[in-house]
Protein backbone atom coordinates (compact mmCIF):
# COMPACT_ATOMS: atom_id res chain seq x y z
CA MET A 1 1.82 -127.52 50.54
CA LEU A 2 2.71 -124.17 52.06
CA PHE A 3 5.81 -123.83 54.34
CA ASN A 4 3.58 -121.90 56.68
CA SER A 5 0.82 -124.29 56.84
CA ILE A 6 -0.37 -126.83 59.42
CA GLU A 7 0.16 -129.53 56.68
CA PHE A 8 3.82 -128.77 56.29
CA LEU A 9 4.23 -128.62 60.11
CA VAL A 10 3.25 -132.38 60.29
CA PHE A 11 4.53 -133.46 56.97
CA TYR A 12 8.27 -132.20 57.54
CA PRO A 13 9.10 -133.88 60.88
CA ILE A 14 7.76 -137.21 59.39
CA VAL A 15 9.91 -136.88 56.43
CA PHE A 16 12.82 -135.86 58.58
CA PHE A 17 12.32 -138.88 61.01
CA LEU A 18 11.77 -141.50 58.08
CA TYR A 19 14.80 -140.00 56.23
CA TRP A 20 17.43 -140.23 58.79
CA LYS A 21 15.90 -143.42 60.41
CA PHE A 22 15.80 -145.43 56.89
CA PHE A 23 17.17 -143.66 54.09
CA ALA A 24 19.83 -141.16 54.51
CA VAL A 25 22.92 -143.30 53.68
CA LYS A 26 21.30 -145.52 51.10
CA ILE A 27 21.61 -143.66 47.77
CA ARG A 28 19.07 -145.18 45.61
CA PRO A 29 16.37 -145.64 48.37
CA ARG A 30 17.07 -141.94 49.53
CA ALA A 31 16.49 -140.87 45.90
CA LEU A 32 13.19 -142.71 45.78
CA PHE A 33 12.14 -141.47 49.04
CA ILE A 34 12.86 -137.86 48.32
CA ILE A 35 10.90 -138.32 44.94
CA ALA A 36 7.94 -139.67 46.85
CA ALA A 37 8.18 -136.93 49.68
CA SER A 38 8.23 -134.42 46.87
CA TYR A 39 5.38 -135.53 44.75
CA ILE A 40 3.41 -135.59 47.89
CA PHE A 41 4.42 -132.21 48.88
CA TYR A 42 3.72 -130.77 45.20
CA GLY A 43 0.63 -132.81 44.72
CA TRP A 44 -1.00 -131.62 47.80
CA TRP A 45 -1.79 -128.57 45.67
CA ASP A 46 -2.73 -130.33 42.60
CA TYR A 47 -1.57 -133.77 41.69
CA ARG A 48 -2.53 -133.39 38.05
CA PHE A 49 0.48 -131.15 37.39
CA LEU A 50 2.81 -133.74 38.72
CA SER A 51 2.76 -135.08 35.00
CA LEU A 52 4.61 -132.00 33.85
CA ILE A 53 7.48 -132.37 36.37
CA ILE A 54 7.74 -136.19 35.34
CA ILE A 55 7.66 -135.21 31.63
CA SER A 56 10.21 -132.49 32.08
CA THR A 57 12.35 -134.98 34.17
CA LEU A 58 12.14 -137.68 31.44
CA ILE A 59 12.76 -135.40 28.39
CA ASP A 60 15.99 -133.83 29.88
CA TYR A 61 17.34 -136.82 31.44
CA SER A 62 16.91 -138.74 28.02
CA ILE A 63 18.33 -135.85 26.13
CA GLY A 64 21.46 -135.87 28.45
CA THR A 65 21.97 -139.49 27.80
CA GLN A 66 21.68 -138.77 23.87
CA LEU A 67 24.40 -136.05 24.24
CA ALA A 68 26.84 -138.32 25.94
CA LYS A 69 26.50 -140.70 22.75
CA THR A 70 27.47 -138.42 20.10
CA GLU A 71 30.21 -135.89 19.20
CA ASN A 72 28.55 -134.70 15.95
CA PRO A 73 27.95 -130.98 16.54
CA ARG A 74 24.68 -130.88 14.41
CA THR A 75 23.35 -133.86 16.35
CA ARG A 76 24.27 -132.48 19.51
CA LYS A 77 22.70 -129.08 18.78
CA SER A 78 19.56 -130.70 17.51
CA TRP A 79 19.08 -132.60 20.91
CA LEU A 80 19.63 -129.20 22.80
CA LEU A 81 17.14 -127.42 20.58
CA LEU A 82 14.41 -130.39 21.19
CA SER A 83 15.05 -129.82 25.22
CA LEU A 84 14.59 -125.96 24.70
CA PHE A 85 11.63 -126.27 22.53
CA SER A 86 9.86 -128.80 24.61
CA ASN A 87 10.48 -127.26 28.06
CA LEU A 88 9.89 -123.65 26.82
CA GLY A 89 7.04 -124.99 24.99
CA ILE A 90 5.47 -126.31 27.90
CA LEU A 91 6.09 -123.04 29.91
CA GLY A 92 4.93 -120.89 27.21
CA PHE A 93 1.69 -122.96 26.66
CA PHE A 94 0.56 -122.94 30.56
CA LYS A 95 1.95 -119.55 31.34
CA TYR A 96 1.89 -117.22 28.33
CA TYR A 97 -0.75 -118.61 25.93
CA ASN A 98 -3.85 -116.70 27.46
CA PHE A 99 -1.40 -113.50 27.65
CA PHE A 100 -0.34 -113.43 24.02
CA VAL A 101 -3.70 -114.38 22.83
CA ALA A 102 -5.32 -111.54 24.74
CA SER A 103 -2.61 -109.09 23.41
CA TRP A 104 -3.25 -110.33 19.95
CA GLU A 105 -6.89 -109.75 20.41
CA GLU A 106 -6.54 -106.31 21.77
CA LEU A 107 -4.32 -105.36 18.91
CA PHE A 108 -6.81 -106.76 16.24
CA SER A 109 -9.51 -104.76 18.02
CA SER A 110 -7.68 -101.49 17.81
CA PHE A 111 -7.88 -102.03 13.98
CA GLY A 112 -11.54 -102.64 14.38
CA ILE A 113 -11.08 -106.59 13.61
CA SER A 114 -13.30 -108.74 15.43
CA TRP A 115 -11.87 -111.89 16.95
CA ASP A 116 -13.09 -114.50 19.19
CA PRO A 117 -9.91 -116.57 20.53
CA LEU A 118 -10.07 -119.49 22.49
CA PHE A 119 -8.66 -119.19 25.87
CA LEU A 120 -7.38 -121.68 28.31
CA ASN A 121 -9.25 -122.33 31.54
CA VAL A 122 -6.62 -124.08 33.47
CA ALA A 123 -4.61 -122.80 36.70
CA LEU A 124 -0.85 -121.93 36.20
CA PRO A 125 1.14 -124.99 37.51
CA VAL A 126 2.96 -123.80 40.80
CA GLY A 127 6.71 -123.40 40.32
CA ILE A 128 6.78 -124.25 36.69
CA SER A 129 9.48 -121.37 35.90
CA PHE A 130 11.61 -122.75 38.53
CA TYR A 131 11.97 -126.25 37.77
CA THR A 132 11.86 -125.64 33.98
CA PHE A 133 14.83 -123.47 34.10
CA GLN A 134 16.45 -125.73 36.49
CA THR A 135 16.14 -128.64 34.05
CA LEU A 136 17.38 -126.53 31.13
CA SER A 137 20.46 -125.60 33.16
CA TYR A 138 21.36 -129.38 33.21
CA THR A 139 20.85 -129.89 29.46
CA ILE A 140 22.85 -126.73 28.62
CA ASP A 141 25.85 -127.54 30.88
CA VAL A 142 25.67 -131.22 29.46
CA TYR A 143 25.75 -129.68 26.08
CA ARG A 144 28.49 -127.61 27.03
CA LYS A 145 30.47 -130.38 28.44
CA LYS A 146 30.67 -128.68 31.75
CA ILE A 147 29.24 -131.81 33.43
CA PRO A 148 28.87 -135.41 32.61
CA PRO A 149 25.20 -136.66 32.21
CA CYS A 150 23.52 -138.13 35.11
CA GLU A 151 23.46 -141.98 35.00
CA ASP A 152 20.93 -142.62 37.50
CA ILE A 153 17.38 -141.35 36.63
CA PHE A 154 16.22 -141.43 40.00
CA GLN A 155 18.95 -139.22 41.28
CA PHE A 156 18.23 -136.97 38.32
CA ALA A 157 14.38 -136.98 39.23
CA ALA A 158 15.04 -136.17 42.87
CA TYR A 159 17.32 -133.35 41.69
CA VAL A 160 14.45 -131.93 39.66
CA CYS A 161 11.76 -132.26 42.10
CA PHE A 162 13.49 -131.63 45.40
CA PHE A 163 10.80 -130.36 47.62
CA PRO A 164 12.28 -127.51 49.80
CA GLN A 165 13.28 -125.57 46.70
CA LEU A 166 10.75 -127.07 44.00
CA VAL A 167 8.19 -124.27 43.72
CA ALA A 168 10.10 -121.10 44.56
CA GLY A 169 13.92 -121.77 44.26
CA PRO A 170 16.61 -121.18 44.50
CA ILE A 171 17.03 -122.19 41.10
CA GLU A 172 19.97 -124.86 41.48
CA ARG A 173 22.50 -125.72 39.00
CA ALA A 174 23.01 -129.52 38.46
CA SER A 175 26.76 -128.91 38.90
CA HIS A 176 26.12 -128.01 42.51
CA LEU A 177 23.14 -129.98 43.81
CA LEU A 178 23.05 -133.06 41.57
CA PRO A 179 26.40 -134.65 42.66
CA GLN A 180 25.10 -134.32 46.30
CA PHE A 181 22.37 -137.23 45.42
CA ALA A 182 25.47 -139.48 44.63
CA LEU A 183 26.77 -139.34 48.27
CA PRO A 184 25.41 -140.68 51.62
CA ALA A 185 23.88 -137.92 53.68
CA ARG A 186 26.01 -136.52 56.19
CA VAL A 187 25.07 -133.56 58.65
CA LYS A 188 27.04 -132.27 61.66
CA ARG A 189 25.39 -130.93 64.70
CA TRP A 190 26.38 -127.41 63.91
CA GLU A 191 24.95 -127.69 60.51
CA ILE A 192 21.65 -128.55 62.13
CA ARG A 193 21.98 -125.38 64.15
CA ILE A 194 22.55 -123.23 61.38
CA GLY A 195 19.57 -124.86 59.52
CA LEU A 196 17.09 -124.37 62.44
CA LYS A 197 18.22 -120.70 62.69
CA GLN A 198 17.82 -119.79 58.89
CA MET A 199 14.43 -121.57 58.95
CA LEU A 200 13.33 -119.63 62.16
CA TRP A 201 14.29 -116.42 60.58
CA GLY A 202 12.70 -117.26 57.29
CA PHE A 203 9.27 -118.11 59.23
CA PHE A 204 9.71 -114.69 60.80
CA LYS A 205 10.27 -112.94 57.48
CA LYS A 206 7.34 -114.50 55.77
CA ILE A 207 4.74 -114.42 58.80
CA VAL A 208 5.77 -111.47 60.67
CA ILE A 209 7.03 -109.13 57.88
CA ALA A 210 5.44 -110.18 54.78
CA ASP A 211 2.10 -111.40 56.06
CA SER A 212 1.65 -108.05 58.25
CA CYS A 213 2.15 -105.94 55.34
CA ALA A 214 0.08 -107.77 52.73
CA PRO A 215 -3.37 -106.65 53.74
CA ILE A 216 -2.40 -102.88 53.93
CA VAL A 217 -0.63 -103.18 50.59
CA ASN A 218 -3.75 -104.80 48.94
CA GLN A 219 -5.86 -102.14 50.32
CA ILE A 220 -3.77 -99.35 48.97
CA PHE A 221 -3.25 -100.68 45.51
CA GLN A 222 -6.80 -101.67 45.04
CA SER A 223 -7.90 -98.05 45.30
CA PRO A 224 -5.04 -95.65 44.91
CA ASP A 225 -7.32 -92.59 44.32
CA SER A 226 -8.51 -93.20 47.93
CA TYR A 227 -5.23 -92.55 49.80
CA SER A 228 -2.99 -89.68 50.48
CA SER A 229 0.44 -89.45 48.91
CA GLY A 230 2.05 -90.23 52.42
CA MET A 231 -0.07 -93.67 52.22
CA LEU A 232 0.91 -94.28 48.70
CA ILE A 233 4.53 -93.76 49.48
CA ALA A 234 4.10 -96.02 52.48
CA GLY A 235 2.24 -98.67 50.39
CA SER A 236 5.06 -98.93 47.91
CA ILE A 237 7.58 -99.20 50.75
CA LEU A 238 5.49 -101.84 52.58
CA PHE A 239 5.46 -103.69 49.32
CA ALA A 240 9.10 -103.67 48.92
CA PHE A 241 9.18 -105.32 52.35
CA GLN A 242 6.43 -107.61 51.74
CA ILE A 243 8.12 -109.19 48.60
CA TYR A 244 11.46 -109.24 50.22
CA GLY A 245 10.04 -110.96 53.34
CA ASP A 246 7.92 -113.31 51.34
CA PHE A 247 10.63 -114.37 48.84
CA SER A 248 13.80 -114.31 50.89
CA GLY A 249 11.83 -115.99 53.72
CA TYR A 250 10.87 -118.94 51.38
CA SER A 251 14.69 -119.02 50.34
CA ASP A 252 15.72 -119.22 54.07
CA ILE A 253 13.25 -121.94 54.92
CA ALA A 254 14.19 -123.91 51.78
CA ILE A 255 18.05 -123.63 52.49
CA GLY A 256 17.35 -124.47 56.25
CA THR A 257 14.97 -127.76 55.62
CA SER A 258 17.76 -128.82 53.08
CA ARG A 259 20.35 -128.36 55.56
CA LEU A 260 18.67 -130.52 57.85
CA LEU A 261 18.63 -133.32 55.37
CA GLY A 262 22.17 -133.01 54.36
CA PHE A 263 22.01 -131.02 51.20
CA LYS A 264 23.45 -127.24 50.79
CA LEU A 265 21.58 -125.00 48.50
CA MET A 266 23.16 -121.77 47.18
CA ASP A 267 22.48 -118.22 49.03
CA ASN A 268 19.65 -116.52 47.07
CA PHE A 269 19.62 -113.15 48.89
CA ASN A 270 22.22 -110.95 50.44
CA TYR A 271 20.50 -108.16 51.97
CA PRO A 272 19.48 -106.45 48.90
CA TYR A 273 18.01 -103.30 50.41
CA PHE A 274 21.24 -102.34 51.51
CA SER A 275 22.76 -102.15 48.04
CA ARG A 276 24.32 -98.69 46.83
CA SER A 277 23.48 -98.93 43.36
CA ILE A 278 21.05 -100.94 40.87
CA PRO A 279 23.80 -103.45 39.77
CA GLU A 280 24.73 -104.39 43.34
CA PHE A 281 20.90 -104.82 43.93
CA TRP A 282 20.92 -107.35 41.30
CA ARG A 283 23.94 -109.05 42.58
CA ARG A 284 22.16 -109.33 46.09
CA TRP A 285 18.47 -110.06 44.96
CA HIS A 286 17.20 -113.35 43.55
CA ILE A 287 20.81 -114.47 42.90
CA SER A 288 20.04 -117.87 41.33
CA LEU A 289 17.77 -116.27 38.74
CA SER A 290 20.25 -113.40 38.00
CA THR A 291 23.22 -115.55 37.58
CA TRP A 292 20.99 -118.01 35.45
CA PHE A 293 20.36 -115.22 33.05
CA ARG A 294 23.95 -114.21 33.11
CA ASP A 295 25.52 -117.50 32.26
CA TYR A 296 22.58 -118.66 29.87
CA LEU A 297 21.46 -115.77 28.13
CA TYR A 298 23.56 -112.70 28.63
CA ILE A 299 26.84 -114.11 28.05
CA PRO A 300 25.96 -116.33 24.99
CA LEU A 301 24.55 -113.04 23.44
CA GLY A 302 27.99 -111.65 23.60
CA GLY A 303 27.66 -110.05 27.25
CA SER A 304 29.81 -106.65 27.56
CA ARG A 305 31.75 -107.63 24.33
CA GLY A 306 31.09 -106.05 21.03
CA THR A 307 29.73 -102.69 20.12
CA PHE A 308 27.78 -100.26 22.36
CA VAL A 309 24.76 -101.17 20.24
CA ASN A 310 25.24 -104.90 20.98
CA ARG A 311 25.81 -104.34 24.68
CA VAL A 312 22.40 -102.20 25.01
CA ARG A 313 20.67 -104.96 23.13
CA ASN A 314 22.08 -107.77 25.45
CA VAL A 315 20.99 -105.79 28.55
CA PHE A 316 17.57 -104.94 27.06
CA ILE A 317 16.94 -108.64 26.23
CA VAL A 318 17.99 -109.91 29.68
CA PHE A 319 15.91 -107.71 31.71
CA LEU A 320 12.83 -107.97 29.35
CA VAL A 321 12.99 -111.67 29.26
CA SER A 322 13.48 -111.64 33.03
CA GLY A 323 10.45 -109.33 33.49
CA LEU A 324 8.43 -111.79 31.12
CA TRP A 325 9.76 -114.74 33.24
CA HIS A 326 7.95 -113.31 36.45
CA GLY A 327 4.70 -113.40 34.89
CA ALA A 328 2.29 -112.98 32.01
CA ASN A 329 1.48 -109.46 32.19
CA TRP A 330 2.87 -106.27 30.58
CA THR A 331 3.48 -104.79 34.01
CA PHE A 332 6.41 -107.32 34.53
CA VAL A 333 7.79 -106.41 31.04
CA PHE A 334 7.73 -102.82 31.89
CA TRP A 335 9.41 -103.50 35.19
CA GLY A 336 12.07 -105.27 33.39
CA LEU A 337 12.39 -102.20 31.13
CA ILE A 338 12.94 -99.86 33.87
CA HIS A 339 15.75 -101.98 35.22
CA ALA A 340 17.43 -102.14 31.72
CA LEU A 341 17.06 -98.29 31.45
CA LEU A 342 18.92 -97.99 34.84
CA PHE A 343 21.81 -99.85 33.37
CA MET A 344 22.33 -97.59 30.53
CA PRO A 345 24.72 -94.95 32.48
CA GLY A 346 26.89 -98.06 33.19
CA LEU A 347 27.10 -99.10 29.44
CA LEU A 348 27.88 -95.26 28.65
CA LEU A 349 30.98 -95.77 31.31
CA ARG A 350 31.80 -98.99 29.72
CA VAL A 351 31.34 -100.96 32.81
CA ARG A 352 30.49 -104.86 32.94
CA MET A 353 27.19 -105.92 33.64
CA PHE A 354 26.53 -107.57 37.03
CA LYS A 355 29.99 -106.60 38.20
CA SER A 356 30.15 -102.75 38.31
CA SER A 357 27.65 -99.95 39.24
CA ILE A 358 25.48 -97.71 37.26
CA PHE A 359 25.35 -94.86 39.38
CA ARG A 360 28.71 -95.73 40.52
CA ALA A 361 28.56 -96.09 44.49
CA PRO A 362 30.83 -93.51 45.89
CA THR A 363 34.38 -94.49 46.63
CA SER A 364 34.61 -92.44 49.86
CA GLU A 365 33.80 -94.48 53.02
CA HIS A 366 32.05 -91.43 54.35
CA TRP A 367 28.74 -92.47 56.00
CA PHE A 368 26.89 -89.94 54.65
CA LEU A 369 27.43 -90.75 51.18
CA LYS A 370 27.01 -94.44 51.82
CA THR A 371 23.79 -94.01 53.42
CA SER A 372 22.39 -91.68 50.67
CA SER A 373 23.39 -94.21 47.83
CA VAL A 374 21.45 -96.89 49.76
CA ILE A 375 18.38 -94.49 50.18
CA ILE A 376 18.44 -93.48 46.53
CA THR A 377 18.68 -97.01 45.34
CA PHE A 378 16.01 -98.24 47.64
CA ALA A 379 13.69 -95.42 46.33
CA ILE A 380 14.24 -96.35 42.78
CA VAL A 381 13.60 -99.98 43.48
CA CYS A 382 10.47 -99.12 45.42
CA ILE A 383 9.12 -97.04 42.13
CA ALA A 384 9.92 -100.15 40.20
CA TRP A 385 8.04 -102.35 42.50
CA ILE A 386 5.00 -100.12 41.85
CA PHE A 387 4.66 -101.68 38.29
CA PHE A 388 5.60 -105.12 39.48
CA ARG A 389 2.63 -105.03 42.14
CA ALA A 390 0.00 -103.06 39.94
CA SER A 391 -2.46 -105.41 37.87
CA SER A 392 -1.98 -103.08 34.85
CA ILE A 393 0.48 -100.26 33.53
CA SER A 394 -2.35 -97.77 33.65
CA GLU A 395 -2.94 -98.76 37.36
CA ALA A 396 0.75 -98.18 38.14
CA TRP A 397 0.43 -94.82 36.43
CA THR A 398 -2.58 -93.83 38.28
CA TYR A 399 -0.71 -94.86 41.70
CA LEU A 400 2.28 -92.92 40.71
CA SER A 401 0.25 -89.67 39.49
CA ASN A 402 -1.67 -89.48 42.71
CA ILE A 403 1.31 -89.14 44.91
CA PRO A 404 2.12 -85.65 43.87
CA ILE A 405 -1.69 -84.90 43.31
CA ASN A 406 -2.53 -85.90 46.88
CA TRP A 407 0.64 -84.33 48.63
CA LYS A 408 -1.21 -81.75 50.67
CA THR A 409 -2.75 -84.90 52.35
CA ASN A 410 0.33 -86.89 53.14
CA SER A 411 -0.87 -88.58 56.33
CA ILE A 412 0.17 -92.12 56.96
CA SER A 413 -2.28 -92.70 59.86
CA GLY A 414 -3.60 -95.66 58.21
CA ILE A 415 -0.45 -97.59 59.01
CA PRO A 416 -0.71 -99.36 62.38
CA GLY A 417 2.14 -98.51 64.71
CA TYR A 418 3.12 -101.98 65.47
CA ILE A 419 3.79 -102.39 61.81
CA SER A 420 6.15 -99.53 61.41
CA GLY A 421 7.79 -100.58 64.58
CA ILE A 422 8.21 -104.28 63.04
CA ILE A 423 9.76 -103.00 59.92
CA ILE A 424 12.21 -100.55 61.96
CA LEU A 425 13.25 -103.36 64.35
CA PHE A 426 13.66 -105.75 61.15
CA ILE A 427 15.94 -103.11 59.21
CA LEU A 428 18.13 -102.46 62.25
CA THR A 429 18.21 -106.46 62.76
CA GLU A 430 19.26 -107.08 59.11
CA PHE A 431 21.68 -104.22 59.28
CA ILE A 432 23.86 -105.58 62.12
CA SER A 433 23.49 -109.05 61.01
CA ARG A 434 24.45 -108.32 57.28
CA ARG A 435 27.52 -110.50 57.44
CA GLN A 436 25.74 -113.82 58.11
CA ARG A 437 22.48 -115.56 57.05
CA TYR A 438 20.43 -114.85 60.44
CA PRO A 439 20.35 -112.28 63.13
CA VAL A 440 23.44 -112.07 65.29
CA PHE A 441 21.12 -112.64 68.35
CA TYR A 442 20.96 -116.02 67.31
CA SER A 443 24.79 -116.31 67.79
CA MET A 444 25.45 -114.72 70.98
CA PRO A 445 28.03 -116.62 73.12
CA ASN A 446 25.60 -116.52 76.00
CA GLN A 447 22.96 -119.35 76.10
CA TRP A 448 20.31 -117.21 77.99
CA GLY A 449 20.92 -114.50 75.47
CA ARG A 450 20.28 -116.85 72.55
CA SER A 451 17.39 -118.67 74.13
CA LEU A 452 15.99 -114.99 74.73
CA ALA A 453 16.31 -114.28 70.88
CA TYR A 454 14.64 -117.56 70.03
CA SER A 455 11.83 -117.07 72.26
CA VAL A 456 11.20 -113.51 71.07
CA THR A 457 11.17 -114.64 67.51
CA VAL A 458 8.68 -117.49 68.16
CA ILE A 459 6.50 -114.99 70.13
CA PHE A 460 6.25 -112.66 67.14
CA ILE A 461 5.60 -115.53 64.73
CA LEU A 462 2.84 -116.76 66.99
CA VAL A 463 1.15 -113.29 67.47
CA ALA A 464 1.66 -112.54 63.76
CA LEU A 465 -0.32 -116.02 63.00
CA TYR A 466 -3.30 -114.89 65.24
CA LEU A 467 -3.57 -111.48 63.99
CA ASN A 468 -2.99 -112.20 60.20
CA ASP A 469 -4.56 -114.56 57.84
CA GLU A 470 -2.58 -117.21 55.97
CA GLN A 471 -1.08 -115.83 52.87
CA THR A 472 0.48 -117.68 49.92
CA PHE A 473 3.87 -117.15 48.98
CA ILE A 474 4.10 -114.36 46.04
CA TYR A 475 6.58 -116.37 43.86
CA PHE A 476 4.40 -119.41 43.75
CA GLN A 477 2.64 -117.77 40.73
CA PHE A 478 6.03 -117.65 38.79
């Protein structure tokens, strides 16, 4: 079920009413109700893949229980390895089997060896990367004795399948979200207002920004040879706003809908396109994933400790795995490699990953230096996004090579004026609102001013719904 669908507009009000009318303050019934609502939400897409969520839930709940029963290091490590093998095995089978088989087939063919492998003809389960990492974080934290194991299987199941963030995050830690299921739901009026504002802004990002950019981006990336350099540059910029509006919009809706039910999710985006360096970008972009890799992969590998070679190795492993997490295609691996390379200057300066800059942001507060660093960082991110969006590495190189070739025809007349205007309006709104989660216009002291801001946003959304086709969320495929 999509957030931007008619089904969800019917589903959520019903869930909201029943939740607060009958279940909110009763812990066990509330967990059961959330499980039922979440399974309906996910099963609306394909009920058969609910079995994977149930299997993952049972495995990690059982392993967490077993970890609490023993202090033997070898036994505890065996249980942890079983969790890793089971969860990553399911993820690898459904997401990466065809990818690796096709890669091996291509490798054998290059040596003249004929091989007719067996490929899977099955859809990728929506959100499998998200809920797999969420359950893994629980098992690892129990193993590390950072949290106690959950004693109630229904609370744990509700944590795993909580529908607002089930299929595209944020990837919640058990230490943050799971305890909220053990307390009666409470929500204050001001929290409801914040949740509704964040939901409204999330729908604006998705429907007005992302869905308006999507058709143009698709056309340009399908045949980059046919477009001028100006259009190719515009295409990469529009994709940057498409994926940001799409993914951060989903996160905003997820956080808002959760807040209306009395749950608080972590912030997943913090205005990343105003970053002044690549490391700052990663502190602001998909925060739940970047911190997951920091805590469960980068630091266990040694982090910034050890020799320079070890630090380089750790950075490359994190970003290559991060790239592969996004999809079963070498383009995502190459995208991760690009960002890993962008960390090398920082390693040479012996700065710590995720906490300091590579191309170190100017210490001066002069507006020109700050603006220049933002523009340069955004340009680098847009170049990397080309590999993320392209269907193959060769297609990405074709896209990039056509920019200087077609420089004499640098027109961007193919971009509708209203889309350019919306993007500029969006940038300005985000800039002046960058210290809060939604536009400052939603917080004006004057009631008429707030009402006007809400009305304009709704009008934009309705017009975009009329002009654009319904688009699925990009990160559903991950």
